[in-house]
Amino acid sequence: MAALTVLDENLPYQPAPGALTTETVAGPPQLLRVSDAVGALATLTVGAKTVAMRGPTRTFVEQKRAFTDTFDRTRAAGWGPSGGGGTWSNANGADSDYSVASGAGIISMTAANASRHATVIDNVTDCDARLSWSLTAMPTGNASSLALSFAYTSVNSMYRARLSVLTSGTVQLILERESGGSTTTIGALTTVGTGYTAGDVWHIRIQRAGTTLRCRAWKDGTTEPSTWLHEVTDATLGAGRIGVRGLASSGSTAIPFQFQVHDIQLYSGTWPSPPTITHNTWVRLLDEPFDGDWTPVLAKQIRTWAADTSPDVLAYAMMYITGAPSVTDPALAGAPVAGQSSYGPKDAGGVPVEGADFHDYMGLDWVFASGETRTADAPEVQCLDCSGFVRMVYGYHMGLPMVRVEDIDGTNLPRITKNIGPSGPGVIVAEAEGTAPPLTGLQIGDVPHFDADSGDAASGELDHNGIYLGVDSNGHNRFANSRKTPNGPTFGDLGGTSRLDGGGTYATTLRIIRRF
């Protein structure tokens, strides 16, 4: 599902009619508010280039990011990150019963009549997903089965499309609902194959669209069926996770054995309450910081911007969120300059690695105004870490001069968050030590900075930032930021709420708000 930016053409909008009036607002920081006959038109900040403009109303919406987990990592206990879908969580059995090796998520079965569950921590409603798996040993004594579960909220509440391998090698598919500890068949047990041998890979696919549930299954190497084996209506369960459930049936004598999950893919998913932001603020940048003097040149610029719907700070930020289409620049030899971004390449445990700057995203070496040079890191193409995302928007697209770690003088945009917060361009709107500052002066387009990494060896050091987008439909202050768990820029709440208010990680670790 794409992140959407929608201009609301049904709402009246009239750019800058009649005379402009100004009002100075004491700071810090000191502001100049510009109004026309309709009302407030622009806000300029002394010492900053940023101008908040009234413009056509827009709505920003983000949905669940599609992902494929191919288990290209090694983990001794637990499956770790899914690669953008969330983090895996396991239930029943020991943590060591869930491991990752040789390109597979492994569930070790050590007892008969025992179930194991691994689910991705993120709730969705409608979804389209596929699972590929195999057995390391043939069932004996009784069947072994693995299911693709969805709408999972606990080991006693889920829908699941379950493939059961009988001791004869017959493969059967059943669609079930487990609710309140009771299991109900909603799609009858049906044979879909015969002759299973250990190591054979089978696929299960499910879809949920409103109250319609569908599933089908097929053996690897054969064509996915074009029709659904089961298609039923059921409205019992609400939103929940997707995942897998392994079962060694009562009487099984194949113990111990393993289920191997080769990959799981979410083609699409819908959050039950997607973040939605609607307002009429557009964010532009002056060529020089505003010095407090209102001039005819500034008045002309404000009037021009009042009628301008070309991309602004927020539009550029949305060009890297979930679902954003890829854009290349012929002038840069076809290098990518926009499109859904990842956070960074993964380490051996599957965790995205920090380090992707704006030019790494484009795959281009860069010479900065300070004379510093930097070679692009090939694995980081179309990746942005938190400050890389901010620099892509404010530096590359909006034109703020950038450096890396030299010439950090308050006019240039540095590479590292710990330098951007206290020593970046513009002005500090609010700051506090050891606690979150007030949000009273917060303005759309501001850059919040956080001391979010509790495990950081340098305690009290700023380590994360983003771009403030505005108040969402639930009254919360929401910002866009690039993070490891969602694997890229987001203003959703996967892996931590993207909010500056409340009791979440970022609300409580906010330390500086800067206006460029």
Protein backbone atom coordinates (compact mmCIF):
# COMPACT_ATOMS: atom_id res chain seq x y z
CA MET A 1 0.00 0.00 0.00
CA ALA A 2 1.38 3.40 -0.94
CA ALA A 3 1.91 6.44 1.22
CA LEU A 4 -0.57 8.90 -0.18
CA THR A 5 -0.38 12.66 -0.52
CA VAL A 6 -3.74 14.03 -1.64
CA LEU A 7 -4.59 17.62 -2.55
CA ASP A 8 -8.15 18.29 -1.42
CA GLU A 9 -9.58 20.17 -4.39
CA ASN A 10 -13.02 20.39 -2.77
CA LEU A 11 -11.76 22.84 -0.15
CA PRO A 12 -11.67 26.50 -1.27
CA TYR A 13 -8.26 28.10 -1.57
CA GLN A 14 -7.37 31.63 -2.58
CA PRO A 15 -3.71 32.66 -2.74
CA ALA A 16 -2.69 35.97 -1.15
CA PRO A 17 -5.49 38.37 -2.16
CA GLY A 18 -5.09 42.07 -1.43
CA ALA A 19 -2.54 43.75 0.80
CA LEU A 20 -0.17 41.88 3.07
CA THR A 21 0.15 42.81 6.74
CA THR A 22 2.82 41.72 9.21
CA GLU A 23 3.00 41.12 12.96
CA THR A 24 6.14 40.53 15.00
CA VAL A 25 5.88 37.79 17.60
CA ALA A 26 8.42 37.89 20.42
CA GLY A 27 10.53 34.78 20.84
CA PRO A 28 12.66 33.02 21.25
CA PRO A 29 12.70 32.46 18.40
CA GLN A 30 11.32 35.74 17.12
CA LEU A 31 8.70 35.34 14.38
CA LEU A 32 7.15 37.48 11.69
CA ARG A 33 3.62 36.47 10.80
CA VAL A 34 2.31 37.60 7.44
CA SER A 35 -1.42 37.80 6.73
CA ASP A 36 -3.62 38.58 3.74
CA ALA A 37 -7.37 39.19 3.46
CA VAL A 38 -8.09 35.50 4.13
CA GLY A 39 -5.94 35.21 7.26
CA ALA A 40 -2.48 33.95 8.28
CA LEU A 41 -0.40 33.36 5.15
CA ALA A 42 3.22 32.80 6.20
CA THR A 43 5.45 32.53 9.26
CA LEU A 44 9.09 33.58 9.04
CA THR A 45 11.60 32.90 11.82
CA VAL A 46 14.46 35.25 12.57
CA GLY A 47 17.70 33.34 12.03
CA ALA A 48 16.11 30.56 9.93
CA LYS A 49 15.48 29.98 6.24
CA THR A 50 12.32 27.94 6.84
CA VAL A 51 8.99 29.58 5.98
CA ALA A 52 5.67 27.92 6.84
CA MET A 53 3.15 28.87 4.14
CA ARG A 54 -0.61 28.53 3.80
CA GLY A 55 -1.45 26.51 0.71
CA PRO A 56 -3.92 23.98 -0.67
CA THR A 57 -5.02 21.40 1.91
CA ARG A 58 -3.20 18.06 1.70
CA THR A 59 -3.70 14.69 3.37
CA PHE A 60 -0.75 12.40 4.12
CA VAL A 61 -1.50 8.70 4.76
CA GLU A 62 0.85 5.76 5.19
CA GLN A 63 0.00 2.06 5.03
CA LYS A 64 1.78 -1.15 5.94
CA ARG A 65 4.97 -1.77 3.96
CA ALA A 66 5.10 -4.96 1.93
CA PHE A 67 8.06 -7.19 2.78
CA THR A 68 9.69 -10.53 2.05
CA ASP A 69 11.67 -12.32 4.74
CA THR A 70 14.13 -14.76 3.15
CA PHE A 71 15.91 -15.50 6.45
CA ASP A 72 19.29 -14.41 5.11
CA ARG A 73 20.83 -14.21 8.58
CA THR A 74 22.00 -16.39 11.46
CA ARG A 75 20.32 -16.36 14.87
CA ALA A 76 20.55 -18.95 17.64
CA ALA A 77 17.36 -18.00 19.50
CA GLY A 78 14.43 -16.18 17.95
CA TRP A 79 14.03 -15.09 14.35
CA GLY A 80 14.88 -11.40 14.84
CA PRO A 81 13.88 -8.70 12.34
CA SER A 82 11.66 -9.60 9.40
CA GLY A 83 13.20 -7.07 7.03
CA GLY A 84 10.69 -4.23 7.16
CA GLY A 85 7.59 -6.03 8.34
CA GLY A 86 8.41 -5.89 12.05
CA THR A 87 10.22 -8.11 14.55
CA TRP A 88 9.45 -11.80 15.01
CA SER A 89 8.05 -12.95 18.33
CA ASN A 90 7.70 -16.59 19.42
CA ALA A 91 5.27 -18.33 21.76
CA ASN A 92 5.31 -21.85 23.26
CA GLY A 93 8.52 -23.79 23.65
CA ALA A 94 11.96 -22.38 24.46
CA ASP A 95 13.58 -19.49 22.58
CA SER A 96 16.15 -21.97 21.29
CA ASP A 97 13.33 -23.82 19.49
CA TYR A 98 13.26 -20.86 17.07
CA SER A 99 16.47 -20.22 15.15
CA VAL A 100 17.67 -19.02 11.75
CA ALA A 101 20.35 -20.78 9.70
CA SER A 102 21.10 -21.73 6.09
CA GLY A 103 18.41 -19.45 4.68
CA ALA A 104 15.53 -20.79 6.76
CA GLY A 105 13.58 -19.93 9.85
CA ILE A 106 13.69 -23.13 11.90
CA ILE A 107 11.07 -24.37 14.35
CA SER A 108 12.36 -27.33 16.34
CA MET A 109 9.65 -29.73 17.51
CA THR A 110 10.68 -31.57 20.66
CA ALA A 111 7.35 -32.95 21.90
CA ALA A 112 4.19 -34.47 20.46
CA ASN A 113 0.87 -32.64 20.77
CA ALA A 114 2.82 -29.37 20.94
CA SER A 115 2.36 -26.19 18.93
CA ARG A 116 4.88 -23.45 18.18
CA HIS A 117 4.04 -19.91 17.04
CA ALA A 118 6.22 -17.26 15.38
CA THR A 119 4.51 -13.98 14.45
CA VAL A 120 5.55 -10.58 13.14
CA ILE A 121 4.84 -7.82 15.66
CA ASP A 122 2.55 -5.51 13.68
CA ASN A 123 -1.23 -5.69 13.43
CA VAL A 124 -3.01 -5.59 10.06
CA THR A 125 -6.57 -6.14 8.90
CA ASP A 126 -6.77 -6.81 5.15
CA CYS A 127 -3.72 -8.69 3.91
CA ASP A 128 -2.30 -10.84 1.13
CA ALA A 129 0.54 -13.15 2.19
CA ARG A 130 2.43 -16.29 1.16
CA LEU A 131 4.51 -18.83 3.11
CA SER A 132 7.03 -21.43 1.84
CA TRP A 133 8.08 -24.30 4.09
CA SER A 134 9.31 -27.89 4.33
CA LEU A 135 9.79 -30.74 6.82
CA THR A 136 13.16 -32.22 7.74
CA ALA A 137 11.62 -35.62 8.57
CA MET A 138 8.57 -37.55 7.42
CA PRO A 139 5.68 -37.73 9.90
CA THR A 140 5.38 -41.02 11.76
CA GLY A 141 2.72 -41.99 14.24
CA ASN A 142 0.58 -38.97 13.29
CA ALA A 143 0.57 -35.91 11.05
CA SER A 144 2.80 -32.85 11.14
CA SER A 145 1.37 -29.52 10.03
CA LEU A 146 2.40 -25.93 9.52
CA ALA A 147 -0.01 -23.03 9.08
CA LEU A 148 0.13 -19.49 7.78
CA SER A 149 -1.66 -17.59 10.53
CA PHE A 150 -3.27 -14.17 10.32
CA ALA A 151 -5.38 -11.97 12.60
CA TYR A 152 -3.22 -13.48 15.36
CA THR A 153 -3.55 -11.86 18.79
CA SER A 154 -2.61 -14.85 20.97
CA VAL A 155 -1.98 -18.58 20.72
CA ASN A 156 -5.74 -18.99 21.25
CA SER A 157 -6.96 -16.40 18.74
CA MET A 158 -6.19 -16.43 15.00
CA TYR A 159 -7.22 -17.52 11.54
CA ARG A 160 -4.90 -20.04 9.93
CA ALA A 161 -4.51 -21.85 6.62
CA ARG A 162 -2.93 -25.13 7.72
CA LEU A 163 -1.14 -27.68 5.55
CA SER A 164 -1.11 -31.11 7.17
CA VAL A 165 1.30 -33.82 5.99
CA LEU A 166 -0.01 -37.30 6.83
CA THR A 167 2.19 -40.33 7.48
CA SER A 168 1.18 -41.58 4.01
CA GLY A 169 2.63 -38.46 2.37
CA THR A 170 -0.80 -37.01 1.60
CA VAL A 171 -0.94 -33.21 1.92
CA GLN A 172 -4.19 -31.59 3.05
CA LEU A 173 -5.24 -27.94 3.43
CA ILE A 174 -7.72 -26.68 6.01
CA LEU A 175 -8.88 -23.15 6.90
CA GLU A 176 -9.50 -22.71 10.62
CA ARG A 177 -10.48 -20.11 13.18
CA GLU A 178 -9.27 -20.38 16.74
CA SER A 179 -11.11 -18.15 19.16
CA GLY A 180 -11.52 -18.42 22.92
CA GLY A 181 -9.44 -21.60 22.91
CA SER A 182 -11.92 -23.34 20.58
CA THR A 183 -11.02 -24.34 17.00
CA THR A 184 -13.64 -24.09 14.23
CA THR A 185 -13.23 -25.43 10.70
CA ILE A 186 -14.34 -22.75 8.22
CA GLY A 187 -12.78 -24.38 5.15
CA ALA A 188 -12.95 -28.19 5.06
CA LEU A 189 -9.85 -30.40 5.18
CA THR A 190 -9.09 -31.08 1.50
CA THR A 191 -6.34 -33.10 -0.18
CA VAL A 192 -4.07 -30.93 -2.33
CA GLY A 193 -1.22 -33.39 -3.00
CA THR A 194 0.28 -36.81 -2.42
CA GLY A 195 3.73 -38.37 -2.23
CA TYR A 196 5.32 -35.87 0.15
CA THR A 197 8.93 -36.65 1.02
CA ALA A 198 11.13 -34.89 3.57
CA GLY A 199 12.55 -31.66 2.12
CA ASP A 200 9.67 -31.02 -0.31
CA VAL A 201 8.73 -27.34 -0.27
CA TRP A 202 5.08 -26.28 -0.23
CA HIS A 203 3.53 -22.83 -0.46
CA ILE A 204 0.46 -21.47 1.30
CA ARG A 205 -1.21 -18.21 0.29
CA ILE A 206 -3.95 -16.36 2.14
CA GLN A 207 -5.97 -13.24 1.47
CA ARG A 208 -8.22 -11.30 3.77
CA ALA A 209 -10.45 -8.59 2.30
CA GLY A 210 -12.98 -7.31 4.79
CA THR A 211 -14.86 -10.38 6.00
CA THR A 212 -13.76 -12.53 3.04
CA LEU A 213 -11.04 -15.08 3.77
CA ARG A 214 -9.27 -17.10 1.06
CA CYS A 215 -6.50 -19.68 0.91
CA ARG A 216 -4.76 -22.07 -1.48
CA ALA A 217 -1.62 -24.24 -1.49
CA TRP A 218 0.71 -25.76 -4.05
CA LYS A 219 3.97 -27.68 -4.29
CA ASP A 220 7.13 -25.82 -5.18
CA GLY A 221 7.95 -26.21 -8.87
CA THR A 222 4.29 -26.24 -9.89
CA THR A 223 2.18 -23.27 -10.92
CA GLU A 224 0.28 -21.38 -8.27
CA PRO A 225 -3.43 -22.18 -8.70
CA SER A 226 -5.51 -19.41 -10.26
CA THR A 227 -8.49 -20.13 -8.01
CA TRP A 228 -8.90 -20.33 -4.24
CA LEU A 229 -9.46 -23.69 -2.61
CA HIS A 230 -11.40 -22.06 0.23
CA GLU A 231 -13.22 -18.74 0.10
CA VAL A 232 -15.45 -18.03 3.08
CA THR A 233 -17.04 -15.15 4.97
CA ASP A 234 -16.17 -14.71 8.63
CA ALA A 235 -16.25 -11.54 10.73
CA THR A 236 -15.27 -13.01 14.10
CA LEU A 237 -11.70 -11.70 14.45
CA GLY A 238 -10.32 -8.20 14.11
CA ALA A 239 -6.81 -6.98 13.35
CA GLY A 240 -3.79 -9.08 14.23
CA ARG A 241 -0.36 -10.31 13.21
CA ILE A 242 0.68 -12.64 10.42
CA GLY A 243 2.95 -15.58 11.21
CA VAL A 244 3.35 -19.33 11.29
CA ARG A 245 2.13 -22.09 13.58
CA GLY A 246 3.77 -25.52 13.70
CA LEU A 247 2.13 -28.60 15.18
CA ALA A 248 3.28 -32.11 15.93
CA SER A 249 -0.02 -33.96 16.37
CA SER A 250 -0.75 -36.17 19.36
CA GLY A 251 0.81 -39.58 18.81
CA SER A 252 3.61 -38.28 16.59
CA THR A 253 6.74 -40.42 16.81
CA ALA A 254 8.81 -38.28 14.42
CA ILE A 255 10.05 -36.20 17.36
CA PRO A 256 12.48 -34.51 17.23
CA PHE A 257 12.19 -32.85 13.81
CA GLN A 258 12.16 -29.36 12.32
CA PHE A 259 9.89 -27.19 10.25
CA GLN A 260 11.91 -25.01 7.88
CA VAL A 261 10.34 -21.74 6.76
CA HIS A 262 12.14 -20.71 3.57
CA ASP A 263 10.44 -17.36 3.14
CA ILE A 264 7.33 -15.43 4.05
CA GLN A 265 6.01 -12.61 1.91
CA LEU A 266 3.45 -9.92 2.67
CA TYR A 267 2.25 -8.65 -0.70
CA SER A 268 0.05 -6.03 0.97
CA GLY A 269 -1.38 -5.20 4.36
CA THR A 270 -3.64 -2.57 5.87
CA TRP A 271 -3.13 -1.08 9.29
CA PRO A 272 -6.34 -0.87 11.34
CA SER A 273 -5.61 2.82 12.10
CA PRO A 274 -3.15 4.19 9.54
CA PRO A 275 -1.51 7.52 10.43
CA THR A 276 -3.40 10.33 8.67
CA ILE A 277 -2.41 14.00 8.66
CA THR A 278 -4.47 16.75 7.00
CA HIS A 279 -3.56 20.45 6.94
CA ASN A 280 -2.79 23.36 4.60
CA THR A 281 0.81 24.10 5.63
CA TRP A 282 3.57 24.04 3.03
CA VAL A 283 7.23 24.45 3.99
CA ARG A 284 9.61 26.53 1.83
CA LEU A 285 13.18 27.80 2.27
CA LEU A 286 14.57 31.31 1.76
CA ASP A 287 17.95 31.75 0.10
CA GLU A 288 19.29 33.35 3.29
CA PRO A 289 18.21 33.25 6.94
CA PHE A 290 15.51 35.82 7.72
CA ASP A 291 17.06 38.83 9.48
CA GLY A 292 13.82 40.31 10.78
CA ASP A 293 13.38 42.97 8.06
CA TRP A 294 10.22 42.78 5.94
CA THR A 295 11.14 43.97 2.43
CA PRO A 296 9.43 44.23 -0.97
CA VAL A 297 11.62 41.35 -2.15
CA LEU A 298 10.32 39.15 0.65
CA ALA A 299 6.73 40.23 -0.02
CA LYS A 300 7.12 39.23 -3.67
CA GLN A 301 8.57 35.85 -2.66
CA ILE A 302 5.71 35.15 -0.25
CA ARG A 303 3.13 36.02 -2.91
CA THR A 304 4.89 33.71 -5.37
CA TRP A 305 4.94 30.84 -2.89
CA ALA A 306 1.28 31.41 -2.06
CA ALA A 307 0.39 30.20 -5.56
CA ASP A 308 3.13 27.55 -5.79
CA THR A 309 2.26 23.82 -5.62
CA SER A 310 5.68 22.50 -6.66
CA PRO A 311 7.23 20.05 -4.18
CA ASP A 312 8.05 21.47 -0.75
CA VAL A 313 9.75 19.93 2.29
CA LEU A 314 6.78 17.69 3.11
CA ALA A 315 6.28 16.55 -0.48
CA TYR A 316 9.94 15.59 -0.74
CA ALA A 317 9.77 13.74 2.59
CA MET A 318 6.88 11.65 1.24
CA MET A 319 8.99 10.63 -1.76
CA TYR A 320 10.85 8.07 0.40
CA ILE A 321 7.98 6.67 2.49
CA THR A 322 6.27 3.30 1.95
CA GLY A 323 4.94 2.92 -1.57
CA ALA A 324 6.66 6.00 -3.03
CA PRO A 325 7.38 5.45 -6.75
CA SER A 326 10.96 5.28 -7.99
CA VAL A 327 12.31 8.40 -9.71
CA THR A 328 15.60 8.60 -11.61
CA ASP A 329 17.47 11.62 -12.95
CA PRO A 330 18.85 11.46 -16.51
CA ALA A 331 21.17 14.35 -15.64
CA LEU A 332 22.79 12.07 -13.05
CA ALA A 333 23.22 9.14 -15.45
CA GLY A 334 19.89 7.67 -14.37
CA ALA A 335 20.72 7.60 -10.65
CA PRO A 336 17.74 7.13 -8.32
CA VAL A 337 16.78 10.39 -6.60
CA ALA A 338 13.45 9.37 -5.03
CA GLY A 339 11.38 6.29 -4.26
CA GLN A 340 10.63 4.04 -1.29
CA SER A 341 13.83 3.83 0.75
CA SER A 342 15.32 1.17 2.97
CA TYR A 343 17.37 2.06 6.07
CA GLY A 344 20.58 0.25 5.17
CA PRO A 345 22.17 -3.11 4.31
CA LYS A 346 21.74 -5.85 6.92
CA ASP A 347 24.33 -7.26 9.25
CA ALA A 348 24.78 -11.01 9.86
CA GLY A 349 21.87 -11.01 12.31
CA GLY A 350 19.51 -9.32 9.85
CA VAL A 351 19.56 -5.85 11.47
CA PRO A 352 19.86 -2.88 9.04
CA VAL A 353 23.18 -1.05 9.43
CA GLU A 354 23.42 2.71 9.97
CA GLY A 355 25.45 4.80 7.53
CA ALA A 356 23.44 5.57 4.37
CA ASP A 357 23.66 9.26 3.43
CA PHE A 358 21.74 10.99 0.63
CA HIS A 359 24.43 10.35 -2.00
CA ASP A 360 24.68 6.69 -0.98
CA TYR A 361 20.96 6.42 -1.82
CA MET A 362 21.79 7.71 -5.32
CA GLY A 363 24.93 5.58 -5.63
CA LEU A 364 27.05 8.67 -6.34
CA ASP A 365 30.39 9.78 -4.94
CA TRP A 366 30.16 13.31 -3.55
CA VAL A 367 32.40 16.35 -3.10
CA PHE A 368 31.11 18.73 -0.43
CA ALA A 369 31.53 22.50 -0.37
CA SER A 370 34.08 22.11 2.45
CA GLY A 371 36.26 20.03 0.12
CA GLU A 372 35.42 16.80 1.92
CA THR A 373 34.89 13.85 -0.41
CA ARG A 374 32.92 10.70 0.16
CA THR A 375 32.64 7.54 -1.92
CA ALA A 376 29.22 6.00 -2.23
CA ASP A 377 28.78 2.65 -0.50
CA ALA A 378 27.26 0.30 -3.10
CA PRO A 379 25.16 -1.78 -0.64
CA GLU A 380 23.50 1.46 0.52
CA VAL A 381 21.90 2.37 -2.81
CA GLN A 382 18.28 3.43 -2.18
CA CYS A 383 18.92 3.45 1.58
CA LEU A 384 18.77 6.37 4.02
CA ASP A 385 19.54 6.41 7.73
CA CYS A 386 17.84 9.02 9.93
CA SER A 387 20.12 11.98 9.21
CA GLY A 388 20.59 10.80 5.62
CA PHE A 389 16.82 11.17 5.18
CA VAL A 390 16.85 14.69 6.64
CA ARG A 391 19.82 15.65 4.44
CA MET A 392 18.16 14.20 1.34
CA VAL A 393 15.08 16.38 1.91
CA TYR A 394 16.58 19.59 3.29
CA GLY A 395 20.01 19.37 1.69
CA TYR A 396 19.78 17.74 -1.71
CA HIS A 397 16.23 18.77 -2.63
CA MET A 398 15.74 22.05 -0.73
CA GLY A 399 19.29 23.33 -1.18
CA LEU A 400 20.73 23.72 2.32
CA PRO A 401 24.54 23.60 2.01
CA MET A 402 25.91 20.34 3.41
CA VAL A 403 29.18 19.19 4.94
CA ARG A 404 30.18 15.99 6.67
CA VAL A 405 32.24 16.58 9.81
CA GLU A 406 34.21 19.70 8.84
CA ASP A 407 33.08 23.36 8.74
CA ILE A 408 30.27 22.81 11.23
CA ASP A 409 29.62 26.51 11.72
CA GLY A 410 25.84 26.88 12.10
CA THR A 411 25.28 27.59 8.41
CA ASN A 412 25.93 24.13 6.95
CA LEU A 413 23.97 20.91 7.47
CA PRO A 414 26.32 18.34 9.10
CA ARG A 415 26.22 14.59 8.52
CA ILE A 416 25.74 13.36 12.08
CA THR A 417 22.67 13.88 14.26
CA LYS A 418 24.73 14.80 17.33
CA ASN A 419 26.12 17.74 15.33
CA ILE A 420 22.93 18.75 13.52
CA GLY A 421 20.97 19.23 16.75
CA PRO A 422 23.22 21.70 18.59
CA SER A 423 25.22 23.11 15.65
CA GLY A 424 23.10 22.82 12.51
CA PRO A 425 21.73 25.68 10.43
CA GLY A 426 18.86 27.86 11.63
CA VAL A 427 17.71 28.22 15.22
CA ILE A 428 16.85 26.03 18.19
CA VAL A 429 13.13 26.28 18.93
CA ALA A 430 13.23 24.29 22.17
CA GLU A 431 15.73 22.18 24.07
CA ALA A 432 16.08 20.45 27.41
CA GLU A 433 18.69 18.27 29.11
CA GLY A 434 17.62 14.87 30.34
CA THR A 435 13.95 15.45 29.57
CA ALA A 436 11.69 16.43 26.68
CA PRO A 437 11.27 20.17 25.99
CA PRO A 438 7.79 21.71 25.57
CA LEU A 439 6.15 21.51 22.15
CA THR A 440 4.55 24.96 22.35
CA GLY A 441 6.78 26.50 19.67
CA LEU A 442 6.71 23.47 17.38
CA GLN A 443 6.08 24.24 13.70
CA ILE A 444 5.51 21.92 10.73
CA GLY A 445 8.86 21.26 9.04
CA ASP A 446 10.89 21.48 12.27
CA VAL A 447 13.56 18.84 12.87
CA PRO A 448 13.27 17.06 16.24
CA HIS A 449 16.37 15.41 17.72
CA PHE A 450 16.41 12.53 20.20
CA ASP A 451 18.64 10.73 22.66
CA ALA A 452 16.79 7.52 21.78
CA ASP A 453 19.43 4.79 22.05
CA SER A 454 19.42 3.62 25.66
CA GLY A 455 22.33 1.32 24.83
CA ASP A 456 24.49 4.11 23.41
CA ALA A 457 27.88 4.12 25.06
CA ALA A 458 27.89 7.91 24.86
CA SER A 459 25.06 8.57 27.30
CA GLY A 460 23.14 11.77 26.63
CA GLU A 461 24.30 12.01 23.01
CA LEU A 462 21.78 12.83 20.29
CA ASP A 463 21.39 9.83 17.99
CA HIS A 464 18.15 10.20 16.01
CA ASN A 465 16.20 12.87 14.13
CA GLY A 466 13.31 13.37 11.72
CA ILE A 467 10.94 15.93 10.16
CA TYR A 468 7.79 17.11 11.94
CA LEU A 469 4.71 16.66 9.72
CA GLY A 470 1.88 18.02 11.87
CA VAL A 471 -1.04 16.87 13.98
CA ASP A 472 -2.70 13.62 12.90
CA SER A 473 -6.39 12.72 12.87
CA ASN A 474 -6.16 11.61 16.50
CA GLY A 475 -4.61 14.84 17.72
CA HIS A 476 -1.02 13.57 17.98
CA ASN A 477 2.16 15.36 16.84
CA ARG A 478 3.61 13.06 14.21
CA PHE A 479 7.01 13.12 12.49
CA ALA A 480 8.68 11.28 9.60
CA ASN A 481 11.93 9.47 10.37
CA SER A 482 14.07 6.66 8.98
CA ARG A 483 14.38 3.71 11.38
CA LYS A 484 15.74 0.16 11.48
CA THR A 485 12.60 -1.82 12.34
CA PRO A 486 10.42 -0.42 9.52
CA ASN A 487 13.61 -0.53 7.40
CA GLY A 488 13.36 3.01 6.10
CA PRO A 489 11.52 6.33 6.34
CA THR A 490 8.08 6.19 7.97
CA PHE A 491 5.62 8.23 9.99
CA GLY A 492 3.87 5.07 11.16
CA ASP A 493 4.28 3.33 14.49
CA LEU A 494 6.05 0.09 13.57
CA GLY A 495 8.89 -0.42 16.02
CA GLY A 496 8.00 2.71 18.02
CA THR A 497 5.38 5.44 17.76
CA SER A 498 6.39 8.30 15.43
CA ARG A 499 4.93 10.83 17.87
CA LEU A 500 6.35 13.73 19.86
CA ASP A 501 3.60 13.50 22.50
CA GLY A 502 2.60 10.71 24.87
CA GLY A 503 4.79 8.18 26.63
CA GLY A 504 6.55 6.52 23.69
CA THR A 505 10.30 6.32 23.12
CA TYR A 506 10.53 9.40 20.92
CA ALA A 507 8.21 11.55 23.01
CA THR A 508 10.25 10.88 26.13
CA THR A 509 13.70 11.09 24.52
CA LEU A 510 13.13 14.31 22.55
CA ARG A 511 15.86 16.80 23.45
CA ILE A 512 16.17 19.50 20.74
CA ILE A 513 13.79 20.97 18.17
CA ARG A 514 15.64 22.84 15.41
CA ARG A 515 14.22 25.00 12.63
CA PHE A 516 16.54 25.15 9.63
